[in-house]
Each structure stands twice: as structure tokens, then as C-alpha cells.
Amino acid sequence: MRLEIVQYDSFTDRAFSGNPAAVVCDADGLEEDAMLAIAREMNLSETAFVFQAEEPGVDFRFRWFTPEAEVPFCGHATLAAAFALNAAGRWPASGDRSVARVTCRIGELRLSGEGENLLERVWIDVPWATLVELPETDAIYEACGIPADQRQVAGWRPLWNRARAKAVLPVTSAAALGAAQPDFVRLRHLAEELGCVLVLVTPEVREPESLVQTRVFAPHFGVDEDPVTGSANAILACYLDQLGWLAGREGVTRRGIAGGEVLGYRAEQGDFLGRPGRVSVEVVTAEGHKLARIGGAAVRVLEGTLFA
């Protein structure tokens, strides 16, 4: 087997920051065990595999693997794949060159680029998700290393969406978020029971342009802590909107569109790991329907040939 493979740092415009992801742009014919073996070899939080589309009107089919398992959606590896496909001259040539349609396990994604030749930012439209109350959170907070007096944010509460494998837990301060030292053995057991990645979020940020700061733990997928997580920030957009926290909030932009509006903000992640990343986030409401959009840049840091 001989495969061309590239690696990008996502949600950043600087190498060695953000979240690294590997991309195989020509994955047709690869079996699941081969993809898992490649992801283990790359030893990154995710590796993206790009296949030819199976449906009319669709440009690509994506799959994503951690070193231990397949995941239904990965934001930063999708961003990396978009930039890799564009660099390879494979972005859709007909119609609007800046837009591609991608199928995956959670449905259809719409990827759109900004700037000349997509070099500034790519947006990913993610299907909306509704969250429900997350029961019995004390054990999770304890395993994450969050003290009892740092688990309250006014108007927030722990919520989850099991179908999207995400649970959101508020943290009072950035200091507590950064000081947390998770017990990953215990946390892996709890995350496996829930079947969810754990998203910890605080409204305390480092930069005035940002609205929230997060840390994301996925030990049951072989990723103790993910540097910058697009899928988690997409769920977090649904979470904040569902709680009514975005409307009228300072730091949230608002613009009208046909039949609705767009609320936008920026999220911080990765700083506590020395890999700062910034995620542009939008909540789009149009004609009674909602979707979350996550966006960012990506930088190519490595390319080569994989032999096996």
C-alpha cells in the first residue's frame, strides 16, 4: 500500500498551534481496519479519510478515526481535509468554487471557503442538535478535577446530546478550568458509560474578542485531551443558544439574512496545552430552522508518502 498523506494544524494561522490532523485525500478502497491502523500510526487525535461521493450532487464522503476508534464527525480534521483538497486542486470546479457538499455519519455537511483560493477561512455547516439535562454530574466533575465551588455559571447547567456523543459541563472560572488535572483512568470509565466526549466551558476568556473558553476530554476514544475541537464547539453553539445566552450578549455579533439572522462569536481552546486555537462560531436561524457553523484557518506542516 502506498498513500499520499498530509498534516495540517487547524483552527490557527500559525504552525505548531491549533489542532493537528492528518488527511488521506484518496481513501477509496481502504477497509476500516486499514484506516484505524493508519490513524494509530499517525498518532494524532484524528485522521481524515476522503472518499469519492456515493450520491448525486455530493462532492465527497468523509470518515474520521482516532487512534482507537471511528468518530461520527470531526471538525478540525474536516477543516484540514478542505484545505488539503483545495491544495491538491480537487475542490469542486463547477458552479461556486468556494462550496463543497460532504456526506458523513451525522448527515450532510456544507463546506464554504472565504478569501482568495480558500486561504483565509473555511466554514463547516453542522446539523443542529437539541440537548437535554445531564444527570449525576458530581462524579464527572470530580474526575475532571473541578472543585465543587467551581461548577456554577449563572443561567447555565450541564446538558448533553447522546446521539452526537457530547456532554457540556459549565465551569465557573478560567483559573479552575486551567488548573484541572483529570483522573483519566476514572474519566475514561465515566465517558464510556455516557458514550460522550466531555466539553468543559467557562465564560472567562483570555482575549476580549472571545466569548467562551473550553477544554475537551475524550479518553474513551484514545484522546485524553483534544487541543481544539470543532465538533464540540458546534454542540456548544447549540447549548448556548438553547439556554438563551447569546441574544443581546456583548461580544456576540448579529446580522440579518433572508428569513432570519446570524449570531456570531469566537471560542478559545488549546491554550492550556500550549496549542492555542480560535474557532469562529455562528448560529444561523432562517425560516424557522437552525444550524451551527464553525470556521477557521489551517496551515500545512507535513506531507509525504505512507508505505505499508
C-alpha atoms as a PDB file:
ATOM      1  CA  MET A   1       0.000   0.000   0.000  1.00  0.00           C
ATOM      2  CA  ARG A   2       1.275   3.448  -0.955  1.00  0.00           C
ATOM      3  CA  LEU A   3      -0.719   6.507   0.117  1.00  0.00           C
ATOM      4  CA  GLU A   4      -0.050  10.214  -0.036  1.00  0.00           C
ATOM      5  CA  ILE A   5      -0.748  11.812   3.334  1.00  0.00           C
ATOM      6  CA  VAL A   6      -0.629  15.394   4.591  1.00  0.00           C
ATOM      7  CA  GLN A   7      -0.853  17.004   8.013  1.00  0.00           C
ATOM      8  CA  TYR A   8      -2.386  20.367   8.854  1.00  0.00           C
ATOM      9  CA  ASP A   9      -2.677  22.407  12.036  1.00  0.00           C
ATOM     10  CA  SER A  10      -6.321  23.511  12.202  1.00  0.00           C
ATOM     11  CA  PHE A  11      -8.105  26.488  13.774  1.00  0.00           C
ATOM     12  CA  THR A  12      -4.935  28.532  13.559  1.00  0.00           C
ATOM     13  CA  ASP A  13      -2.886  30.526  11.070  1.00  0.00           C
ATOM     14  CA  ARG A  14       0.443  29.525  12.650  1.00  0.00           C
ATOM     15  CA  ALA A  15       2.266  26.205  12.510  1.00  0.00           C
ATOM     16  CA  PHE A  16       2.627  24.212  15.753  1.00  0.00           C
ATOM     17  CA  SER A  17      -0.538  25.627  17.280  1.00  0.00           C
ATOM     18  CA  GLY A  18      -4.205  24.710  16.987  1.00  0.00           C
ATOM     19  CA  ASN A  19      -5.050  21.032  16.464  1.00  0.00           C
ATOM     20  CA  PRO A  20      -3.030  18.768  14.136  1.00  0.00           C
ATOM     21  CA  ALA A  21      -4.855  16.377  11.804  1.00  0.00           C
ATOM     22  CA  ALA A  22      -3.673  14.013   9.093  1.00  0.00           C
ATOM     23  CA  VAL A  23      -5.541  13.690   5.800  1.00  0.00           C
ATOM     24  CA  VAL A  24      -5.648  10.898   3.227  1.00  0.00           C
ATOM     25  CA  CYS A  25      -7.247  12.518   0.183  1.00  0.00           C
ATOM     26  CA  ASP A  26      -7.553   9.276  -1.826  1.00  0.00           C
ATOM     27  CA  ALA A  27      -9.014   6.708   0.571  1.00  0.00           C
ATOM     28  CA  ASP A  28     -11.146   4.721  -1.875  1.00  0.00           C
ATOM     29  CA  GLY A  29     -10.582   1.016  -1.374  1.00  0.00           C
ATOM     30  CA  LEU A  30      -9.329   1.310   2.189  1.00  0.00           C
ATOM     31  CA  GLU A  31     -11.006  -1.038   4.661  1.00  0.00           C
ATOM     32  CA  GLU A  32     -11.882   0.027   8.181  1.00  0.00           C
ATOM     33  CA  ASP A  33      -9.023  -1.893   9.808  1.00  0.00           C
ATOM     34  CA  ALA A  34      -6.544  -0.208   7.457  1.00  0.00           C
ATOM     35  CA  MET A  35      -7.878   3.250   8.313  1.00  0.00           C
ATOM     36  CA  LEU A  36      -7.634   2.505  12.008  1.00  0.00           C
ATOM     37  CA  ALA A  37      -4.055   1.274  11.564  1.00  0.00           C
ATOM     38  CA  ILE A  38      -3.133   4.461   9.694  1.00  0.00           C
ATOM     39  CA  ALA A  39      -4.716   6.609  12.419  1.00  0.00           C
ATOM     40  CA  ARG A  40      -2.724   4.708  15.042  1.00  0.00           C
ATOM     41  CA  GLU A  41       0.461   5.218  13.049  1.00  0.00           C
ATOM     42  CA  MET A  42      -0.149   8.961  12.723  1.00  0.00           C
ATOM     43  CA  ASN A  43      -0.984   9.078  16.469  1.00  0.00           C
ATOM     44  CA  LEU A  44      -2.951  12.318  16.230  1.00  0.00           C
ATOM     45  CA  SER A  45      -6.354  12.989  17.741  1.00  0.00           C
ATOM     46  CA  GLU A  46      -7.935  12.394  14.305  1.00  0.00           C
ATOM     47  CA  THR A  47      -7.064  11.371  10.781  1.00  0.00           C
ATOM     48  CA  ALA A  48      -9.498  12.229   7.959  1.00  0.00           C
ATOM     49  CA  PHE A  49     -10.153   9.891   5.028  1.00  0.00           C
ATOM     50  CA  VAL A  50     -11.686  11.299   1.851  1.00  0.00           C
ATOM     51  CA  PHE A  51     -13.715   9.073  -0.494  1.00  0.00           C
ATOM     52  CA  GLN A  52     -15.485   9.676  -3.778  1.00  0.00           C
ATOM     53  CA  ALA A  53     -19.105  10.690  -3.319  1.00  0.00           C
ATOM     54  CA  GLU A  54     -21.750   7.962  -3.480  1.00  0.00           C
ATOM     55  CA  GLU A  55     -24.740  10.255  -4.078  1.00  0.00           C
ATOM     56  CA  PRO A  56     -25.564  12.675  -6.912  1.00  0.00           C
ATOM     57  CA  GLY A  57     -24.929  16.320  -6.126  1.00  0.00           C
ATOM     58  CA  VAL A  58     -22.390  15.474  -3.411  1.00  0.00           C
ATOM     59  CA  ASP A  59     -18.668  16.135  -3.803  1.00  0.00           C
ATOM     60  CA  PHE A  60     -17.002  13.890  -1.189  1.00  0.00           C
ATOM     61  CA  ARG A  61     -17.590  11.375   1.594  1.00  0.00           C
ATOM     62  CA  PHE A  62     -15.543  11.772   4.791  1.00  0.00           C
ATOM     63  CA  ARG A  63     -14.656   9.370   7.619  1.00  0.00           C
ATOM     64  CA  TRP A  64     -12.569  10.165  10.693  1.00  0.00           C
ATOM     65  CA  PHE A  65     -10.566   7.923  13.030  1.00  0.00           C
ATOM     66  CA  THR A  66      -8.801   8.466  16.323  1.00  0.00           C
ATOM     67  CA  PRO A  67      -6.002   6.027  17.229  1.00  0.00           C
ATOM     68  CA  GLU A  68      -8.670   3.823  18.851  1.00  0.00           C
ATOM     69  CA  ALA A  69     -12.000   4.266  17.065  1.00  0.00           C
ATOM     70  CA  GLU A  70     -14.049   5.874  14.328  1.00  0.00           C
ATOM     71  CA  VAL A  71     -15.915   9.052  15.289  1.00  0.00           C
ATOM     72  CA  PRO A  72     -19.144  10.303  13.651  1.00  0.00           C
ATOM     73  CA  PHE A  73     -17.810  13.832  12.985  1.00  0.00           C
ATOM     74  CA  CYS A  74     -14.572  15.733  13.490  1.00  0.00           C
ATOM     75  CA  GLY A  75     -14.374  19.460  12.891  1.00  0.00           C
ATOM     76  CA  HIS A  76     -10.643  20.128  12.857  1.00  0.00           C
ATOM     77  CA  ALA A  77      -9.871  17.184  10.554  1.00  0.00           C
ATOM     78  CA  THR A  78     -12.680  18.317   8.216  1.00  0.00           C
ATOM     79  CA  LEU A  79     -11.063  21.757   8.102  1.00  0.00           C
ATOM     80  CA  ALA A  80      -7.696  20.125   7.347  1.00  0.00           C
ATOM     81  CA  ALA A  81      -9.259  17.982   4.614  1.00  0.00           C
ATOM     82  CA  ALA A  82     -10.844  21.032   2.959  1.00  0.00           C
ATOM     83  CA  PHE A  83      -7.514  22.841   2.775  1.00  0.00           C
ATOM     84  CA  ALA A  84      -5.742  19.667   1.614  1.00  0.00           C
ATOM     85  CA  LEU A  85      -8.261  19.030  -1.173  1.00  0.00           C
ATOM     86  CA  ASN A  86      -8.022  22.621  -2.317  1.00  0.00           C
ATOM     87  CA  ALA A  87      -4.208  22.458  -2.363  1.00  0.00           C
ATOM     88  CA  ALA A  88      -4.463  19.288  -4.456  1.00  0.00           C
ATOM     89  CA  GLY A  89      -6.728  21.032  -6.976  1.00  0.00           C
ATOM     90  CA  ARG A  90      -9.709  18.854  -6.094  1.00  0.00           C
ATOM     91  CA  TRP A  91     -12.141  21.449  -4.789  1.00  0.00           C
ATOM     92  CA  PRO A  92     -15.342  21.434  -6.897  1.00  0.00           C
ATOM     93  CA  ALA A  93     -14.626  23.157 -10.204  1.00  0.00           C
ATOM     94  CA  SER A  94     -18.224  23.662 -11.367  1.00  0.00           C
ATOM     95  CA  GLY A  95     -20.609  26.256 -10.038  1.00  0.00           C
ATOM     96  CA  ASP A  96     -19.447  28.134  -6.950  1.00  0.00           C
ATOM     97  CA  ARG A  97     -15.878  27.006  -6.455  1.00  0.00           C
ATOM     98  CA  SER A  98     -15.935  28.008  -2.805  1.00  0.00           C
ATOM     99  CA  VAL A  99     -18.569  25.440  -1.777  1.00  0.00           C
ATOM    100  CA  ALA A 100     -18.446  21.644  -1.388  1.00  0.00           C
ATOM    101  CA  ARG A 101     -21.021  19.145  -0.119  1.00  0.00           C
ATOM    102  CA  VAL A 102     -19.806  16.278   2.033  1.00  0.00           C
ATOM    103  CA  THR A 103     -21.636  13.250   3.434  1.00  0.00           C
ATOM    104  CA  CYS A 104     -20.686  11.577   6.703  1.00  0.00           C
ATOM    105  CA  ARG A 105     -22.256   9.641   9.569  1.00  0.00           C
ATOM    106  CA  ILE A 106     -24.115  12.651  11.018  1.00  0.00           C
ATOM    107  CA  GLY A 107     -25.622  13.644   7.674  1.00  0.00           C
ATOM    108  CA  GLU A 108     -24.575  16.165   5.063  1.00  0.00           C
ATOM    109  CA  LEU A 109     -22.071  18.947   5.664  1.00  0.00           C
ATOM    110  CA  ARG A 110     -21.706  22.090   3.590  1.00  0.00           C
ATOM    111  CA  LEU A 111     -18.164  23.462   3.426  1.00  0.00           C
ATOM    112  CA  SER A 112     -17.615  27.009   2.190  1.00  0.00           C
ATOM    113  CA  GLY A 113     -14.420  28.991   1.785  1.00  0.00           C
ATOM    114  CA  GLU A 114     -13.592  32.655   2.304  1.00  0.00           C
ATOM    115  CA  GLY A 115     -10.830  34.633   0.686  1.00  0.00           C
ATOM    116  CA  GLU A 116      -8.811  34.068  -2.461  1.00  0.00           C
ATOM    117  CA  ASN A 117      -8.379  30.328  -3.132  1.00  0.00           C
ATOM    118  CA  LEU A 118      -9.846  29.450   0.303  1.00  0.00           C
ATOM    119  CA  LEU A 119      -6.670  30.629   2.014  1.00  0.00           C
ATOM    120  CA  GLU A 120      -8.351  32.689   4.738  1.00  0.00           C
ATOM    121  CA  ARG A 121     -11.048  30.542   6.339  1.00  0.00           C
ATOM    122  CA  VAL A 122     -13.309  27.558   5.729  1.00  0.00           C
ATOM    123  CA  TRP A 123     -16.781  27.294   7.280  1.00  0.00           C
ATOM    124  CA  ILE A 124     -18.471  23.994   8.104  1.00  0.00           C
ATOM    125  CA  ASP A 125     -22.272  23.885   8.383  1.00  0.00           C
ATOM    126  CA  VAL A 126     -23.197  21.330  11.064  1.00  0.00           C
ATOM    127  CA  PRO A 127     -26.726  19.929  11.635  1.00  0.00           C
ATOM    128  CA  TRP A 128     -28.476  21.351  14.700  1.00  0.00           C
ATOM    129  CA  ALA A 129     -28.722  19.380  17.940  1.00  0.00           C
ATOM    130  CA  THR A 130     -31.014  19.707  20.961  1.00  0.00           C
ATOM    131  CA  LEU A 131     -29.525  18.970  24.368  1.00  0.00           C
ATOM    132  CA  VAL A 132     -31.226  17.564  27.473  1.00  0.00           C
ATOM    133  CA  GLU A 133     -30.400  17.510  31.176  1.00  0.00           C
ATOM    134  CA  LEU A 134     -27.269  15.574  32.129  1.00  0.00           C
ATOM    135  CA  PRO A 135     -27.910  13.591  35.320  1.00  0.00           C
ATOM    136  CA  GLU A 136     -25.424  12.740  38.069  1.00  0.00           C
ATOM    137  CA  THR A 137     -22.637  15.147  37.213  1.00  0.00           C
ATOM    138  CA  ASP A 138     -20.710  15.143  40.515  1.00  0.00           C
ATOM    139  CA  ALA A 139     -18.614  12.109  39.610  1.00  0.00           C
ATOM    140  CA  ILE A 140     -17.748  13.602  36.222  1.00  0.00           C
ATOM    141  CA  TYR A 141     -16.712  16.941  37.720  1.00  0.00           C
ATOM    142  CA  GLU A 142     -14.611  15.142  40.337  1.00  0.00           C
ATOM    143  CA  ALA A 143     -12.865  13.016  37.714  1.00  0.00           C
ATOM    144  CA  CYS A 144     -12.211  16.170  35.661  1.00  0.00           C
ATOM    145  CA  GLY A 145     -10.626  17.838  38.686  1.00  0.00           C
ATOM    146  CA  ILE A 146     -13.157  20.671  39.025  1.00  0.00           C
ATOM    147  CA  PRO A 147     -13.829  21.672  42.683  1.00  0.00           C
ATOM    148  CA  ALA A 148     -17.418  21.776  43.932  1.00  0.00           C
ATOM    149  CA  ASP A 149     -17.363  25.583  44.245  1.00  0.00           C
ATOM    150  CA  GLN A 150     -16.372  25.970  40.566  1.00  0.00           C
ATOM    151  CA  ARG A 151     -19.321  24.195  38.938  1.00  0.00           C
ATOM    152  CA  GLN A 152     -21.823  27.032  38.653  1.00  0.00           C
ATOM    153  CA  VAL A 153     -22.322  29.649  35.941  1.00  0.00           C
ATOM    154  CA  ALA A 154     -25.418  31.828  36.130  1.00  0.00           C
ATOM    155  CA  GLY A 155     -28.025  30.604  33.650  1.00  0.00           C
ATOM    156  CA  TRP A 156     -26.003  27.539  32.619  1.00  0.00           C
ATOM    157  CA  ARG A 157     -26.444  23.881  33.561  1.00  0.00           C
ATOM    158  CA  PRO A 158     -24.971  20.535  32.441  1.00  0.00           C
ATOM    159  CA  LEU A 159     -26.638  19.256  29.261  1.00  0.00           C
ATOM    160  CA  TRP A 160     -25.901  16.534  26.736  1.00  0.00           C
ATOM    161  CA  ASN A 161     -26.828  15.043  23.381  1.00  0.00           C
ATOM    162  CA  ARG A 162     -26.072  11.338  23.309  1.00  0.00           C
ATOM    163  CA  ALA A 163     -26.667  10.921  19.583  1.00  0.00           C
ATOM    164  CA  ARG A 164     -23.872  13.414  18.937  1.00  0.00           C
ATOM    165  CA  ALA A 165     -21.781  11.967  21.800  1.00  0.00           C
ATOM    166  CA  LYS A 166     -21.248  15.287  23.598  1.00  0.00           C
ATOM    167  CA  ALA A 167     -21.869  16.419  27.174  1.00  0.00           C
ATOM    168  CA  VAL A 168     -21.400  20.086  28.159  1.00  0.00           C
ATOM    169  CA  LEU A 169     -20.430  20.987  31.735  1.00  0.00           C
ATOM    170  CA  PRO A 170     -20.041  24.630  32.843  1.00  0.00           C
ATOM    171  CA  VAL A 171     -17.041  25.774  34.926  1.00  0.00           C
ATOM    172  CA  THR A 172     -17.093  28.999  36.924  1.00  0.00           C
ATOM    173  CA  SER A 173     -13.626  30.381  36.152  1.00  0.00           C
ATOM    174  CA  ALA A 174     -10.772  30.081  33.688  1.00  0.00           C
ATOM    175  CA  ALA A 175      -8.422  29.523  36.611  1.00  0.00           C
ATOM    176  CA  ALA A 176     -10.333  26.419  37.689  1.00  0.00           C
ATOM    177  CA  LEU A 177     -10.559  25.204  34.095  1.00  0.00           C
ATOM    178  CA  GLY A 178      -6.826  25.560  33.597  1.00  0.00           C
ATOM    179  CA  ALA A 179      -5.858  24.107  36.966  1.00  0.00           C
ATOM    180  CA  ALA A 180      -7.928  20.944  36.475  1.00  0.00           C
ATOM    181  CA  GLN A 181      -5.877  17.744  36.440  1.00  0.00           C
ATOM    182  CA  PRO A 182      -8.231  14.979  35.308  1.00  0.00           C
ATOM    183  CA  ASP A 183      -8.042  11.407  36.504  1.00  0.00           C
ATOM    184  CA  PHE A 184      -8.115   9.935  33.017  1.00  0.00           C
ATOM    185  CA  VAL A 185      -8.482   6.335  34.170  1.00  0.00           C
ATOM    186  CA  ARG A 186     -11.669   7.206  36.035  1.00  0.00           C
ATOM    187  CA  LEU A 187     -12.761   9.687  33.375  1.00  0.00           C
ATOM    188  CA  ARG A 188     -12.441   7.083  30.642  1.00  0.00           C
ATOM    189  CA  HIS A 189     -14.808   4.769  32.524  1.00  0.00           C
ATOM    190  CA  LEU A 190     -17.357   7.552  33.025  1.00  0.00           C
ATOM    191  CA  ALA A 191     -17.113   8.733  29.415  1.00  0.00           C
ATOM    192  CA  GLU A 192     -17.611   5.168  28.180  1.00  0.00           C
ATOM    193  CA  GLU A 193     -20.719   4.814  30.353  1.00  0.00           C
ATOM    194  CA  LEU A 194     -22.151   8.028  28.927  1.00  0.00           C
ATOM    195  CA  GLY A 195     -20.888   7.386  25.410  1.00  0.00           C
ATOM    196  CA  CYS A 196     -19.917  11.063  25.291  1.00  0.00           C
ATOM    197  CA  VAL A 197     -16.985  13.386  24.847  1.00  0.00           C
ATOM    198  CA  LEU A 198     -16.846  15.800  27.798  1.00  0.00           C
ATOM    199  CA  VAL A 199     -16.872  19.520  26.976  1.00  0.00           C
ATOM    200  CA  LEU A 200     -15.954  21.850  29.851  1.00  0.00           C
ATOM    201  CA  VAL A 201     -16.708  25.519  29.223  1.00  0.00           C
ATOM    202  CA  THR A 202     -16.310  28.829  31.052  1.00  0.00           C
ATOM    203  CA  PRO A 203     -17.339  32.377  30.102  1.00  0.00           C
ATOM    204  CA  GLU A 204     -13.944  33.667  31.361  1.00  0.00           C
ATOM    205  CA  VAL A 205     -11.635  34.224  28.384  1.00  0.00           C
ATOM    206  CA  ARG A 206      -8.092  35.336  27.617  1.00  0.00           C
ATOM    207  CA  GLU A 207      -8.839  37.783  24.813  1.00  0.00           C
ATOM    208  CA  PRO A 208     -11.600  40.399  24.637  1.00  0.00           C
ATOM    209  CA  GLU A 209     -12.609  39.216  21.151  1.00  0.00           C
ATOM    210  CA  SER A 210     -13.602  35.814  22.553  1.00  0.00           C
ATOM    211  CA  LEU A 211     -16.809  34.750  24.286  1.00  0.00           C
ATOM    212  CA  VAL A 212     -16.056  31.352  25.853  1.00  0.00           C
ATOM    213  CA  GLN A 213     -13.090  29.116  26.632  1.00  0.00           C
ATOM    214  CA  THR A 214     -13.173  25.321  26.588  1.00  0.00           C
ATOM    215  CA  ARG A 215     -11.321  22.106  27.351  1.00  0.00           C
ATOM    216  CA  VAL A 216     -12.418  18.803  25.808  1.00  0.00           C
ATOM    217  CA  PHE A 217     -11.724  15.290  27.139  1.00  0.00           C
ATOM    218  CA  ALA A 218     -12.240  12.105  25.096  1.00  0.00           C
ATOM    219  CA  PRO A 219     -10.206   9.360  26.820  1.00  0.00           C
ATOM    220  CA  HIS A 220     -12.577   6.593  25.662  1.00  0.00           C
ATOM    221  CA  PHE A 221     -11.590   7.472  22.073  1.00  0.00           C
ATOM    222  CA  GLY A 222      -7.893   7.367  22.907  1.00  0.00           C
ATOM    223  CA  VAL A 223      -7.655  11.174  23.144  1.00  0.00           C
ATOM    224  CA  ASP A 224      -7.218  12.272  26.758  1.00  0.00           C
ATOM    225  CA  GLU A 225      -7.488  15.960  25.860  1.00  0.00           C
ATOM    226  CA  ASP A 226      -8.148  17.359  22.397  1.00  0.00           C
ATOM    227  CA  PRO A 227      -6.410  20.692  21.682  1.00  0.00           C
ATOM    228  CA  VAL A 228      -9.128  22.420  19.595  1.00  0.00           C
ATOM    229  CA  THR A 229     -12.400  20.627  18.841  1.00  0.00           C
ATOM    230  CA  GLY A 230     -14.722  21.735  16.057  1.00  0.00           C
ATOM    231  CA  SER A 231     -17.489  19.222  16.823  1.00  0.00           C
ATOM    232  CA  ALA A 232     -17.546  20.266  20.482  1.00  0.00           C
ATOM    233  CA  ASN A 233     -17.801  23.935  19.553  1.00  0.00           C
ATOM    234  CA  ALA A 234     -20.678  23.157  17.198  1.00  0.00           C
ATOM    235  CA  ILE A 235     -22.557  21.470  20.055  1.00  0.00           C
ATOM    236  CA  LEU A 236     -21.604  24.337  22.339  1.00  0.00           C
ATOM    237  CA  ALA A 237     -23.245  26.779  19.914  1.00  0.00           C
ATOM    238  CA  CYS A 238     -26.471  24.770  20.231  1.00  0.00           C
ATOM    239  CA  TYR A 239     -26.049  24.721  24.019  1.00  0.00           C
ATOM    240  CA  LEU A 240     -25.574  28.487  24.400  1.00  0.00           C
ATOM    241  CA  ASP A 241     -28.429  29.262  22.019  1.00  0.00           C
ATOM    242  CA  GLN A 242     -30.748  26.796  23.753  1.00  0.00           C
ATOM    243  CA  LEU A 243     -30.057  28.487  27.092  1.00  0.00           C
ATOM    244  CA  GLY A 244     -30.857  31.888  25.538  1.00  0.00           C
ATOM    245  CA  TRP A 245     -27.391  33.131  26.405  1.00  0.00           C
ATOM    246  CA  LEU A 246     -26.312  34.546  23.037  1.00  0.00           C
ATOM    247  CA  ALA A 247     -29.086  37.004  22.204  1.00  0.00           C
ATOM    248  CA  GLY A 248     -28.060  40.525  23.178  1.00  0.00           C
ATOM    249  CA  ARG A 249     -24.768  39.368  24.716  1.00  0.00           C
ATOM    250  CA  GLU A 250     -21.790  41.720  24.448  1.00  0.00           C
ATOM    251  CA  GLY A 251     -19.219  40.131  22.171  1.00  0.00           C
ATOM    252  CA  VAL A 252     -21.839  38.428  20.004  1.00  0.00           C
ATOM    253  CA  THR A 253     -22.239  39.844  16.507  1.00  0.00           C
ATOM    254  CA  ARG A 254     -25.614  39.924  14.812  1.00  0.00           C
ATOM    255  CA  ARG A 255     -26.559  40.271  11.157  1.00  0.00           C
ATOM    256  CA  GLY A 256     -29.793  39.810   9.291  1.00  0.00           C
ATOM    257  CA  ILE A 257     -30.278  37.356   6.439  1.00  0.00           C
ATOM    258  CA  ALA A 258     -33.267  36.447   4.290  1.00  0.00           C
ATOM    259  CA  GLY A 259     -35.836  34.901   6.612  1.00  0.00           C
ATOM    260  CA  GLY A 260     -33.704  35.101   9.739  1.00  0.00           C
ATOM    261  CA  GLU A 261     -30.461  36.157  11.413  1.00  0.00           C
ATOM    262  CA  VAL A 262     -26.940  35.031  12.240  1.00  0.00           C
ATOM    263  CA  LEU A 263     -25.362  35.300  15.692  1.00  0.00           C
ATOM    264  CA  GLY A 264     -21.577  35.004  15.727  1.00  0.00           C
ATOM    265  CA  TYR A 265     -18.802  34.728  18.301  1.00  0.00           C
ATOM    266  CA  ARG A 266     -15.302  33.351  18.836  1.00  0.00           C
ATOM    267  CA  ALA A 267     -14.279  30.492  21.132  1.00  0.00           C
ATOM    268  CA  GLU A 268     -10.874  29.770  22.686  1.00  0.00           C
ATOM    269  CA  GLN A 269      -9.351  26.337  23.172  1.00  0.00           C
ATOM    270  CA  GLY A 270      -5.912  24.746  23.391  1.00  0.00           C
ATOM    271  CA  ASP A 271      -4.138  27.437  25.410  1.00  0.00           C
ATOM    272  CA  PHE A 272      -3.719  25.174  28.448  1.00  0.00           C
ATOM    273  CA  LEU A 273      -1.932  22.638  26.210  1.00  0.00           C
ATOM    274  CA  GLY A 274       0.357  25.202  24.618  1.00  0.00           C
ATOM    275  CA  ARG A 275      -1.503  24.890  21.285  1.00  0.00           C
ATOM    276  CA  PRO A 276      -3.819  27.922  21.210  1.00  0.00           C
ATOM    277  CA  GLY A 277      -6.604  27.774  18.657  1.00  0.00           C
ATOM    278  CA  ARG A 278      -9.530  30.031  17.840  1.00  0.00           C
ATOM    279  CA  VAL A 279     -12.872  28.840  16.478  1.00  0.00           C
ATOM    280  CA  SER A 280     -15.250  31.175  14.687  1.00  0.00           C
ATOM    281  CA  VAL A 281     -18.810  30.115  15.508  1.00  0.00           C
ATOM    282  CA  GLU A 282     -22.193  31.122  14.077  1.00  0.00           C
ATOM    283  CA  VAL A 283     -25.766  30.203  14.927  1.00  0.00           C
ATOM    284  CA  VAL A 284     -27.820  30.563  11.751  1.00  0.00           C
ATOM    285  CA  THR A 285     -31.615  30.872  12.012  1.00  0.00           C
ATOM    286  CA  ALA A 286     -33.560  31.008   8.755  1.00  0.00           C
ATOM    287  CA  GLU A 287     -37.234  30.294   8.103  1.00  0.00           C
ATOM    288  CA  GLY A 288     -37.650  28.531  11.422  1.00  0.00           C
ATOM    289  CA  HIS A 289     -34.632  26.246  11.008  1.00  0.00           C
ATOM    290  CA  LYS A 290     -31.269  26.417  12.748  1.00  0.00           C
ATOM    291  CA  LEU A 291     -27.746  25.234  12.033  1.00  0.00           C
ATOM    292  CA  ALA A 292     -24.370  25.723  13.644  1.00  0.00           C
ATOM    293  CA  ARG A 293     -21.380  26.929  11.656  1.00  0.00           C
ATOM    294  CA  ILE A 294     -17.771  26.561  12.747  1.00  0.00           C
ATOM    295  CA  GLY A 295     -14.902  28.137  10.880  1.00  0.00           C
ATOM    296  CA  GLY A 296     -11.185  28.691  10.913  1.00  0.00           C
ATOM    297  CA  ALA A 297      -7.896  28.552   9.072  1.00  0.00           C
ATOM    298  CA  ALA A 298      -5.449  25.675   8.684  1.00  0.00           C
ATOM    299  CA  VAL A 299      -1.713  25.506   7.989  1.00  0.00           C
ATOM    300  CA  ARG A 300       0.082  22.667   6.182  1.00  0.00           C
ATOM    301  CA  VAL A 301       3.002  21.372   8.266  1.00  0.00           C
ATOM    302  CA  LEU A 302       3.859  17.973   6.774  1.00  0.00           C
ATOM    303  CA  GLU A 303       3.379  15.903   3.630  1.00  0.00           C
ATOM    304  CA  GLY A 304       4.721  12.567   2.490  1.00  0.00           C
ATOM    305  CA  THR A 305       4.085   9.013   1.359  1.00  0.00           C
ATOM    306  CA  LEU A 306       2.864   6.233   3.618  1.00  0.00           C
ATOM    307  CA  PHE A 307       4.096   2.705   2.819  1.00  0.00           C
ATOM    308  CA  ALA A 308       2.549  -0.440   4.272  1.00  0.00           C
END
